PDB file of all heavy atoms in Angstrom:
ATOM      1  N   MET A   1      23.074  -0.713   6.309  1.00  0.00           N
ATOM      2  CA  MET A   1      24.232  -0.085   6.955  1.00  0.00           C
ATOM      3  C   MET A   1      23.914   1.331   7.429  1.00  0.00           C
ATOM      4  O   MET A   1      24.403   1.762   8.474  1.00  0.00           O
ATOM      5  CB  MET A   1      25.414  -0.057   5.986  1.00  0.00           C
ATOM      6  CG  MET A   1      25.991  -1.429   5.693  1.00  0.00           C
ATOM      7  SD  MET A   1      27.182  -1.441   4.335  1.00  0.00           S
ATOM      8  CE  MET A   1      28.353  -0.222   4.846  1.00  0.00           C
ATOM      9  N   LEU A   2      23.107   2.056   6.677  1.00  0.00           N
ATOM     10  CA  LEU A   2      22.823   3.453   7.005  1.00  0.00           C
ATOM     11  C   LEU A   2      21.558   3.639   7.839  1.00  0.00           C
ATOM     12  O   LEU A   2      21.426   4.641   8.533  1.00  0.00           O
ATOM     13  CB  LEU A   2      22.726   4.266   5.715  1.00  0.00           C
ATOM     14  CG  LEU A   2      24.030   4.335   4.914  1.00  0.00           C
ATOM     15  CD1 LEU A   2      23.793   5.007   3.570  1.00  0.00           C
ATOM     16  CD2 LEU A   2      25.112   5.048   5.702  1.00  0.00           C
ATOM     17  N   ALA A   3      20.642   2.689   7.764  1.00  0.00           N
ATOM     18  CA  ALA A   3      19.379   2.821   8.496  1.00  0.00           C
ATOM     19  C   ALA A   3      19.349   1.989   9.778  1.00  0.00           C
ATOM     20  O   ALA A   3      18.545   2.244  10.665  1.00  0.00           O
ATOM     21  CB  ALA A   3      18.214   2.398   7.603  1.00  0.00           C
ATOM     22  N   GLY A   4      20.201   0.972   9.827  1.00  0.00           N
ATOM     23  CA  GLY A   4      20.179   0.083  10.982  1.00  0.00           C
ATOM     24  C   GLY A   4      19.078  -0.952  10.902  1.00  0.00           C
ATOM     25  O   GLY A   4      18.800  -1.649  11.869  1.00  0.00           O
ATOM     26  N   ARG A   5      18.457  -1.044   9.736  1.00  0.00           N
ATOM     27  CA  ARG A   5      17.408  -2.037   9.500  1.00  0.00           C
ATOM     28  C   ARG A   5      17.284  -2.264   7.998  1.00  0.00           C
ATOM     29  O   ARG A   5      17.659  -1.405   7.209  1.00  0.00           O
ATOM     30  CB  ARG A   5      16.072  -1.595  10.079  1.00  0.00           C
ATOM     31  CG  ARG A   5      15.474  -0.371   9.405  1.00  0.00           C
ATOM     32  CD  ARG A   5      14.085  -0.111   9.965  1.00  0.00           C
ATOM     33  NE  ARG A   5      13.373   0.932   9.316  1.00  0.00           N
ATOM     34  CZ  ARG A   5      12.683   0.810   8.176  1.00  0.00           C
ATOM     35  NH1 ARG A   5      12.653  -0.324   7.531  1.00  0.00           N
ATOM     36  NH2 ARG A   5      12.017   1.831   7.671  1.00  0.00           N
ATOM     37  N   PRO A   6      16.772  -3.422   7.610  1.00  0.00           N
ATOM     38  CA  PRO A   6      16.622  -3.674   6.175  1.00  0.00           C
ATOM     39  C   PRO A   6      15.523  -2.810   5.563  1.00  0.00           C
ATOM     40  O   PRO A   6      14.635  -2.321   6.276  1.00  0.00           O
ATOM     41  CB  PRO A   6      16.270  -5.160   6.104  1.00  0.00           C
ATOM     42  CG  PRO A   6      15.787  -5.529   7.456  1.00  0.00           C
ATOM     43  CD  PRO A   6      16.380  -4.564   8.425  1.00  0.00           C
ATOM     44  N   PRO A   7      15.528  -2.649   4.245  1.00  0.00           N
ATOM     45  CA  PRO A   7      14.532  -1.800   3.600  1.00  0.00           C
ATOM     46  C   PRO A   7      13.125  -2.405   3.580  1.00  0.00           C
ATOM     47  O   PRO A   7      12.150  -1.682   3.416  1.00  0.00           O
ATOM     48  CB  PRO A   7      15.065  -1.628   2.180  1.00  0.00           C
ATOM     49  CG  PRO A   7      15.994  -2.764   1.966  1.00  0.00           C
ATOM     50  CD  PRO A   7      16.537  -3.112   3.307  1.00  0.00           C
ATOM     51  N   PHE A   8      13.022  -3.701   3.756  1.00  0.00           N
ATOM     52  CA  PHE A   8      11.718  -4.375   3.754  1.00  0.00           C
ATOM     53  C   PHE A   8      11.624  -5.224   5.012  1.00  0.00           C
ATOM     54  O   PHE A   8      12.421  -6.145   5.206  1.00  0.00           O
ATOM     55  CB  PHE A   8      11.559  -5.242   2.499  1.00  0.00           C
ATOM     56  CG  PHE A   8      11.718  -4.454   1.234  1.00  0.00           C
ATOM     57  CD1 PHE A   8      12.943  -4.389   0.588  1.00  0.00           C
ATOM     58  CD2 PHE A   8      10.649  -3.749   0.694  1.00  0.00           C
ATOM     59  CE1 PHE A   8      13.103  -3.647  -0.577  1.00  0.00           C
ATOM     60  CE2 PHE A   8      10.797  -2.994  -0.457  1.00  0.00           C
ATOM     61  CZ  PHE A   8      12.024  -2.949  -1.092  1.00  0.00           C
ATOM     62  N   ARG A   9      10.646  -4.907   5.860  1.00  0.00           N
ATOM     63  CA  ARG A   9      10.480  -5.639   7.117  1.00  0.00           C
ATOM     64  C   ARG A   9       9.042  -6.102   7.259  1.00  0.00           C
ATOM     65  O   ARG A   9       8.116  -5.444   6.784  1.00  0.00           O
ATOM     66  CB  ARG A   9      10.806  -4.742   8.312  1.00  0.00           C
ATOM     67  CG  ARG A   9      12.213  -4.235   8.319  1.00  0.00           C
ATOM     68  CD  ARG A   9      12.529  -3.454   9.568  1.00  0.00           C
ATOM     69  NE  ARG A   9      11.582  -2.355   9.753  1.00  0.00           N
ATOM     70  CZ  ARG A   9      11.448  -1.670  10.880  1.00  0.00           C
ATOM     71  NH1 ARG A   9      12.171  -1.946  11.912  1.00  0.00           N
ATOM     72  NH2 ARG A   9      10.582  -0.686  10.960  1.00  0.00           N
ATOM     73  N   ALA A  10       8.892  -7.235   7.919  1.00  0.00           N
ATOM     74  CA  ALA A  10       7.570  -7.768   8.233  1.00  0.00           C
ATOM     75  C   ALA A  10       7.758  -8.851   9.291  1.00  0.00           C
ATOM     76  O   ALA A  10       8.887  -9.182   9.668  1.00  0.00           O
ATOM     77  CB  ALA A  10       6.899  -8.321   6.988  1.00  0.00           C
ATOM     78  N   HIS A  11       6.642  -9.409   9.756  1.00  0.00           N
ATOM     79  CA  HIS A  11       6.682 -10.384  10.843  1.00  0.00           C
ATOM     80  C   HIS A  11       7.059 -11.794  10.415  1.00  0.00           C
ATOM     81  O   HIS A  11       7.384 -12.618  11.254  1.00  0.00           O
ATOM     82  CB  HIS A  11       5.334 -10.401  11.571  1.00  0.00           C
ATOM     83  CG  HIS A  11       5.090  -9.139  12.332  1.00  0.00           C
ATOM     84  ND1 HIS A  11       4.373  -8.089  11.787  1.00  0.00           N
ATOM     85  CD2 HIS A  11       5.503  -8.739  13.549  1.00  0.00           C
ATOM     86  CE1 HIS A  11       4.336  -7.103  12.669  1.00  0.00           C
ATOM     87  NE2 HIS A  11       5.009  -7.470  13.744  1.00  0.00           N
ATOM     88  N   SER A  12       7.015 -12.077   9.126  1.00  0.00           N
ATOM     89  CA  SER A  12       7.377 -13.410   8.650  1.00  0.00           C
ATOM     90  C   SER A  12       8.141 -13.290   7.334  1.00  0.00           C
ATOM     91  O   SER A  12       8.082 -12.260   6.655  1.00  0.00           O
ATOM     92  CB  SER A  12       6.126 -14.269   8.440  1.00  0.00           C
ATOM     93  OG  SER A  12       5.382 -13.802   7.332  1.00  0.00           O
ATOM     94  N   ALA A  13       8.837 -14.358   6.988  1.00  0.00           N
ATOM     95  CA  ALA A  13       9.603 -14.358   5.738  1.00  0.00           C
ATOM     96  C   ALA A  13       8.688 -14.173   4.532  1.00  0.00           C
ATOM     97  O   ALA A  13       9.024 -13.433   3.602  1.00  0.00           O
ATOM     98  CB  ALA A  13      10.396 -15.660   5.620  1.00  0.00           C
ATOM     99  N   VAL A  14       7.541 -14.823   4.548  1.00  0.00           N
ATOM    100  CA  VAL A  14       6.597 -14.694   3.433  1.00  0.00           C
ATOM    101  C   VAL A  14       6.108 -13.252   3.312  1.00  0.00           C
ATOM    102  O   VAL A  14       6.005 -12.716   2.200  1.00  0.00           O
ATOM    103  CB  VAL A  14       5.408 -15.670   3.612  1.00  0.00           C
ATOM    104  CG1 VAL A  14       4.338 -15.417   2.570  1.00  0.00           C
ATOM    105  CG2 VAL A  14       5.899 -17.101   3.546  1.00  0.00           C
ATOM    106  N   SER A  15       5.860 -12.602   4.420  1.00  0.00           N
ATOM    107  CA  SER A  15       5.413 -11.211   4.401  1.00  0.00           C
ATOM    108  C   SER A  15       6.508 -10.275   3.889  1.00  0.00           C
ATOM    109  O   SER A  15       6.228  -9.303   3.182  1.00  0.00           O
ATOM    110  CB  SER A  15       4.964 -10.775   5.797  1.00  0.00           C
ATOM    111  OG  SER A  15       3.837 -11.508   6.203  1.00  0.00           O
ATOM    112  N   VAL A  16       7.761 -10.572   4.221  1.00  0.00           N
ATOM    113  CA  VAL A  16       8.877  -9.778   3.705  1.00  0.00           C
ATOM    114  C   VAL A  16       8.932  -9.908   2.187  1.00  0.00           C
ATOM    115  O   VAL A  16       9.056  -8.914   1.466  1.00  0.00           O
ATOM    116  CB  VAL A  16      10.221 -10.206   4.334  1.00  0.00           C
ATOM    117  CG1 VAL A  16      11.397  -9.559   3.606  1.00  0.00           C
ATOM    118  CG2 VAL A  16      10.261  -9.855   5.807  1.00  0.00           C
ATOM    119  N   LEU A  17       8.812 -11.131   1.688  1.00  0.00           N
ATOM    120  CA  LEU A  17       8.835 -11.352   0.241  1.00  0.00           C
ATOM    121  C   LEU A  17       7.684 -10.614  -0.442  1.00  0.00           C
ATOM    122  O   LEU A  17       7.863 -10.037  -1.515  1.00  0.00           O
ATOM    123  CB  LEU A  17       8.777 -12.844  -0.076  1.00  0.00           C
ATOM    124  CG  LEU A  17       9.978 -13.663   0.399  1.00  0.00           C
ATOM    125  CD1 LEU A  17       9.765 -15.137   0.093  1.00  0.00           C
ATOM    126  CD2 LEU A  17      11.267 -13.164  -0.192  1.00  0.00           C
ATOM    127  N   HIS A  18       6.520 -10.612   0.197  1.00  0.00           N
ATOM    128  CA  HIS A  18       5.376  -9.881  -0.355  1.00  0.00           C
ATOM    129  C   HIS A  18       5.688  -8.384  -0.443  1.00  0.00           C
ATOM    130  O   HIS A  18       5.402  -7.740  -1.455  1.00  0.00           O
ATOM    131  CB  HIS A  18       4.137 -10.131   0.508  1.00  0.00           C
ATOM    132  CG  HIS A  18       2.934  -9.358   0.065  1.00  0.00           C
ATOM    133  ND1 HIS A  18       2.226  -9.680  -1.055  1.00  0.00           N
ATOM    134  CD2 HIS A  18       2.337  -8.260   0.603  1.00  0.00           C
ATOM    135  CE1 HIS A  18       1.233  -8.824  -1.209  1.00  0.00           C
ATOM    136  NE2 HIS A  18       1.277  -7.947  -0.208  1.00  0.00           N
ATOM    137  N   ARG A  19       6.274  -7.838   0.595  1.00  0.00           N
ATOM    138  CA  ARG A  19       6.624  -6.412   0.587  1.00  0.00           C
ATOM    139  C   ARG A  19       7.643  -6.097  -0.504  1.00  0.00           C
ATOM    140  O   ARG A  19       7.549  -5.076  -1.185  1.00  0.00           O
ATOM    141  CB  ARG A  19       7.165  -5.981   1.947  1.00  0.00           C
ATOM    142  CG  ARG A  19       6.100  -5.840   2.989  1.00  0.00           C
ATOM    143  CD  ARG A  19       6.711  -5.301   4.275  1.00  0.00           C
ATOM    144  NE  ARG A  19       5.705  -5.224   5.300  1.00  0.00           N
ATOM    145  CZ  ARG A  19       4.996  -4.134   5.563  1.00  0.00           C
ATOM    146  NH1 ARG A  19       5.188  -3.040   4.870  1.00  0.00           N
ATOM    147  NH2 ARG A  19       4.098  -4.141   6.520  1.00  0.00           N
ATOM    148  N   ILE A  20       8.638  -6.980  -0.652  1.00  0.00           N
ATOM    149  CA  ILE A  20       9.649  -6.764  -1.691  1.00  0.00           C
ATOM    150  C   ILE A  20       8.998  -6.723  -3.066  1.00  0.00           C
ATOM    151  O   ILE A  20       9.357  -5.891  -3.904  1.00  0.00           O
ATOM    152  CB  ILE A  20      10.729  -7.873  -1.624  1.00  0.00           C
ATOM    153  CG1 ILE A  20      11.592  -7.696  -0.371  1.00  0.00           C
ATOM    154  CG2 ILE A  20      11.600  -7.872  -2.876  1.00  0.00           C
ATOM    155  CD1 ILE A  20      12.524  -8.860  -0.091  1.00  0.00           C
ATOM    156  N   CYS A  21       8.030  -7.615  -3.292  1.00  0.00           N
ATOM    157  CA  CYS A  21       7.391  -7.718  -4.611  1.00  0.00           C
ATOM    158  C   CYS A  21       6.375  -6.612  -4.877  1.00  0.00           C
ATOM    159  O   CYS A  21       6.175  -6.223  -6.033  1.00  0.00           O
ATOM    160  CB  CYS A  21       6.679  -9.069  -4.746  1.00  0.00           C
ATOM    161  SG  CYS A  21       7.804 -10.464  -4.822  1.00  0.00           S
ATOM    162  N   LYS A  22       5.721  -6.102  -3.845  1.00  0.00           N
ATOM    163  CA  LYS A  22       4.564  -5.231  -4.052  1.00  0.00           C
ATOM    164  C   LYS A  22       4.711  -3.782  -3.601  1.00  0.00           C
ATOM    165  O   LYS A  22       3.923  -2.932  -4.009  1.00  0.00           O
ATOM    166  CB  LYS A  22       3.346  -5.820  -3.332  1.00  0.00           C
ATOM    167  CG  LYS A  22       2.966  -7.210  -3.784  1.00  0.00           C
ATOM    168  CD  LYS A  22       2.440  -7.190  -5.188  1.00  0.00           C
ATOM    169  CE  LYS A  22       2.030  -8.601  -5.609  1.00  0.00           C
ATOM    170  NZ  LYS A  22       1.599  -8.671  -6.974  1.00  0.00           N
ATOM    171  N   PHE A  23       5.683  -3.487  -2.752  1.00  0.00           N
ATOM    172  CA  PHE A  23       5.758  -2.145  -2.174  1.00  0.00           C
ATOM    173  C   PHE A  23       7.151  -1.547  -2.317  1.00  0.00           C
ATOM    174  O   PHE A  23       8.140  -2.266  -2.237  1.00  0.00           O
ATOM    175  CB  PHE A  23       5.387  -2.180  -0.688  1.00  0.00           C
ATOM    176  CG  PHE A  23       3.995  -2.673  -0.431  1.00  0.00           C
ATOM    177  CD1 PHE A  23       3.779  -3.981  -0.033  1.00  0.00           C
ATOM    178  CD2 PHE A  23       2.910  -1.837  -0.615  1.00  0.00           C
ATOM    179  CE1 PHE A  23       2.491  -4.445   0.194  1.00  0.00           C
ATOM    180  CE2 PHE A  23       1.622  -2.290  -0.386  1.00  0.00           C
ATOM    181  CZ  PHE A  23       1.413  -3.602   0.014  1.00  0.00           C
ATOM    182  N   PRO A  24       7.251  -0.241  -2.491  1.00  0.00           N
ATOM    183  CA  PRO A  24       8.570   0.406  -2.528  1.00  0.00           C
ATOM    184  C   PRO A  24       9.153   0.505  -1.114  1.00  0.00           C
ATOM    185  O   PRO A  24       8.418   0.439  -0.118  1.00  0.00           O
ATOM    186  CB  PRO A  24       8.269   1.794  -3.095  1.00  0.00           C
ATOM    187  CG  PRO A  24       6.857   2.054  -2.704  1.00  0.00           C
ATOM    188  CD  PRO A  24       6.160   0.711  -2.719  1.00  0.00           C
ATOM    189  N   HIS A  25      10.443   0.652  -1.043  1.00  0.00           N
ATOM    190  CA  HIS A  25      11.099   0.835   0.249  1.00  0.00           C
ATOM    191  C   HIS A  25      10.806   2.234   0.791  1.00  0.00           C
ATOM    192  O   HIS A  25      10.479   3.150   0.026  1.00  0.00           O
ATOM    193  CB  HIS A  25      12.604   0.627   0.110  1.00  0.00           C
ATOM    194  CG  HIS A  25      13.267   1.642  -0.760  1.00  0.00           C
ATOM    195  ND1 HIS A  25      13.224   1.573  -2.151  1.00  0.00           N
ATOM    196  CD2 HIS A  25      13.968   2.767  -0.472  1.00  0.00           C
ATOM    197  CE1 HIS A  25      13.869   2.597  -2.647  1.00  0.00           C
ATOM    198  NE2 HIS A  25      14.334   3.352  -1.660  1.00  0.00           N
ATOM    199  N   GLU A  26      10.938   2.388   2.081  1.00  0.00           N
ATOM    200  CA  GLU A  26      10.819   3.717   2.683  1.00  0.00           C
ATOM    201  C   GLU A  26      12.115   4.478   2.391  1.00  0.00           C
ATOM    202  O   GLU A  26      13.207   3.931   2.586  1.00  0.00           O
ATOM    203  CB  GLU A  26      10.614   3.601   4.192  1.00  0.00           C
ATOM    204  CG  GLU A  26      10.425   4.915   4.882  1.00  0.00           C
ATOM    205  CD  GLU A  26      10.136   4.777   6.360  1.00  0.00           C
ATOM    206  OE1 GLU A  26      10.119   3.652   6.878  1.00  0.00           O
ATOM    207  OE2 GLU A  26       9.927   5.822   6.995  1.00  0.00           O
ATOM    208  N   PRO A  27      12.019   5.696   1.892  1.00  0.00           N
ATOM    209  CA  PRO A  27      13.254   6.438   1.580  1.00  0.00           C
ATOM    210  C   PRO A  27      14.181   6.514   2.792  1.00  0.00           C
ATOM    211  O   PRO A  27      13.743   6.762   3.923  1.00  0.00           O
ATOM    212  CB  PRO A  27      12.741   7.825   1.188  1.00  0.00           C
ATOM    213  CG  PRO A  27      11.352   7.573   0.688  1.00  0.00           C
ATOM    214  CD  PRO A  27      10.828   6.450   1.560  1.00  0.00           C
ATOM    215  N   ILE A  28      15.447   6.296   2.545  1.00  0.00           N
ATOM    216  CA  ILE A  28      16.449   6.246   3.617  1.00  0.00           C
ATOM    217  C   ILE A  28      16.503   7.554   4.404  1.00  0.00           C
ATOM    218  O   ILE A  28      16.715   7.544   5.614  1.00  0.00           O
ATOM    219  CB  ILE A  28      17.845   5.877   3.049  1.00  0.00           C
ATOM    220  CG1 ILE A  28      18.861   5.615   4.151  1.00  0.00           C
ATOM    221  CG2 ILE A  28      18.381   6.947   2.146  1.00  0.00           C
ATOM    222  CD1 ILE A  28      18.748   4.291   4.787  1.00  0.00           C
ATOM    223  N   GLN A  29      16.256   8.673   3.749  1.00  0.00           N
ATOM    224  CA  GLN A  29      16.353   9.951   4.456  1.00  0.00           C
ATOM    225  C   GLN A  29      15.227  10.150   5.472  1.00  0.00           C
ATOM    226  O   GLN A  29      15.365  10.983   6.359  1.00  0.00           O
ATOM    227  CB  GLN A  29      16.432  11.105   3.468  1.00  0.00           C
ATOM    228  CG  GLN A  29      17.757  11.083   2.724  1.00  0.00           C
ATOM    229  CD  GLN A  29      18.131  12.417   2.168  1.00  0.00           C
ATOM    230  OE1 GLN A  29      17.274  13.151   1.709  1.00  0.00           O
ATOM    231  NE2 GLN A  29      19.407  12.732   2.202  1.00  0.00           N
ATOM    232  N   ARG A  30      14.148   9.410   5.364  1.00  0.00           N
ATOM    233  CA  ARG A  30      13.104   9.464   6.397  1.00  0.00           C
ATOM    234  C   ARG A  30      13.574   8.781   7.680  1.00  0.00           C
ATOM    235  O   ARG A  30      13.087   9.082   8.761  1.00  0.00           O
ATOM    236  CB  ARG A  30      11.831   8.782   5.921  1.00  0.00           C
ATOM    237  CG  ARG A  30      11.063   9.580   4.918  1.00  0.00           C
ATOM    238  CD  ARG A  30       9.717   8.962   4.700  1.00  0.00           C
ATOM    239  NE  ARG A  30       9.102   9.514   3.510  1.00  0.00           N
ATOM    240  CZ  ARG A  30       8.101   8.963   2.882  1.00  0.00           C
ATOM    241  NH1 ARG A  30       7.589   7.814   3.312  1.00  0.00           N
ATOM    242  NH2 ARG A  30       7.589   9.515   1.807  1.00  0.00           N
ATOM    243  N   ILE A  31      14.508   7.863   7.540  1.00  0.00           N
ATOM    244  CA  ILE A  31      15.008   7.116   8.689  1.00  0.00           C
ATOM    245  C   ILE A  31      16.284   7.742   9.234  1.00  0.00           C
ATOM    246  O   ILE A  31      16.486   7.822  10.433  1.00  0.00           O
ATOM    247  CB  ILE A  31      15.267   5.653   8.279  1.00  0.00           C
ATOM    248  CG1 ILE A  31      13.951   5.021   7.826  1.00  0.00           C
ATOM    249  CG2 ILE A  31      15.875   4.844   9.415  1.00  0.00           C
ATOM    250  CD1 ILE A  31      14.114   3.759   7.064  1.00  0.00           C
ATOM    251  N   ASN A  32      17.147   8.175   8.317  1.00  0.00           N
ATOM    252  CA  ASN A  32      18.424   8.782   8.698  1.00  0.00           C
ATOM    253  C   ASN A  32      18.657  10.010   7.824  1.00  0.00           C
ATOM    254  O   ASN A  32      19.155   9.897   6.712  1.00  0.00           O
ATOM    255  CB  ASN A  32      19.555   7.757   8.529  1.00  0.00           C
ATOM    256  CG  ASN A  32      20.901   8.304   8.923  1.00  0.00           C
ATOM    257  OD1 ASN A  32      21.056   9.498   9.193  1.00  0.00           O
ATOM    258  ND2 ASN A  32      21.900   7.436   8.959  1.00  0.00           N
ATOM    259  N   ASN A  33      18.310  11.166   8.340  1.00  0.00           N
ATOM    260  CA  ASN A  33      18.434  12.391   7.537  1.00  0.00           C
ATOM    261  C   ASN A  33      19.880  12.868   7.401  1.00  0.00           C
ATOM    262  O   ASN A  33      20.140  13.875   6.762  1.00  0.00           O
ATOM    263  CB  ASN A  33      17.538  13.499   8.084  1.00  0.00           C
ATOM    264  CG  ASN A  33      17.898  13.920   9.478  1.00  0.00           C
ATOM    265  OD1 ASN A  33      18.879  13.472  10.058  1.00  0.00           O
ATOM    266  ND2 ASN A  33      17.080  14.783  10.049  1.00  0.00           N
ATOM    267  N   GLN A  34      20.815  12.127   7.973  1.00  0.00           N
ATOM    268  CA  GLN A  34      22.238  12.450   7.831  1.00  0.00           C
ATOM    269  C   GLN A  34      22.837  11.871   6.551  1.00  0.00           C
ATOM    270  O   GLN A  34      23.961  12.199   6.188  1.00  0.00           O
ATOM    271  CB  GLN A  34      23.023  11.910   9.035  1.00  0.00           C
ATOM    272  CG  GLN A  34      22.564  12.472  10.366  1.00  0.00           C
ATOM    273  CD  GLN A  34      22.842  13.964  10.477  1.00  0.00           C
ATOM    274  OE1 GLN A  34      23.934  14.417  10.138  1.00  0.00           O
ATOM    275  NE2 GLN A  34      21.859  14.720  10.925  1.00  0.00           N
ATOM    276  N   VAL A  35      22.087  11.014   5.879  1.00  0.00           N
ATOM    277  CA  VAL A  35      22.577  10.388   4.643  1.00  0.00           C
ATOM    278  C   VAL A  35      22.600  11.447   3.539  1.00  0.00           C
ATOM    279  O   VAL A  35      21.580  12.096   3.277  1.00  0.00           O
ATOM    280  CB  VAL A  35      21.678   9.201   4.235  1.00  0.00           C
ATOM    281  CG1 VAL A  35      22.105   8.632   2.888  1.00  0.00           C
ATOM    282  CG2 VAL A  35      21.696   8.124   5.308  1.00  0.00           C
ATOM    283  N   PRO A  36      23.743  11.617   2.884  1.00  0.00           N
ATOM    284  CA  PRO A  36      23.813  12.596   1.790  1.00  0.00           C
ATOM    285  C   PRO A  36      22.827  12.257   0.668  1.00  0.00           C
ATOM    286  O   PRO A  36      22.541  11.079   0.409  1.00  0.00           O
ATOM    287  CB  PRO A  36      25.256  12.474   1.288  1.00  0.00           C
ATOM    288  CG  PRO A  36      26.009  11.868   2.429  1.00  0.00           C
ATOM    289  CD  PRO A  36      25.031  10.989   3.145  1.00  0.00           C
ATOM    290  N   LEU A  37      22.323  13.273   0.017  1.00  0.00           N
ATOM    291  CA  LEU A  37      21.345  13.101  -1.057  1.00  0.00           C
ATOM    292  C   LEU A  37      21.869  12.184  -2.161  1.00  0.00           C
ATOM    293  O   LEU A  37      21.124  11.367  -2.699  1.00  0.00           O
ATOM    294  CB  LEU A  37      20.949  14.467  -1.628  1.00  0.00           C
ATOM    295  CG  LEU A  37      19.837  14.468  -2.659  1.00  0.00           C
ATOM    296  CD1 LEU A  37      18.569  13.839  -2.093  1.00  0.00           C
ATOM    297  CD2 LEU A  37      19.558  15.878  -3.121  1.00  0.00           C
TER     298      LEU A  37
END
């Protein structure tokens, strides 16, 4: 809702699942610095 995109993105569903399992999300403030702390 605040970034306009999901926290985990990739080119395929399997790649998205891999990102969810292995990598942290990109902090929302890097995408939308208007989001309150």
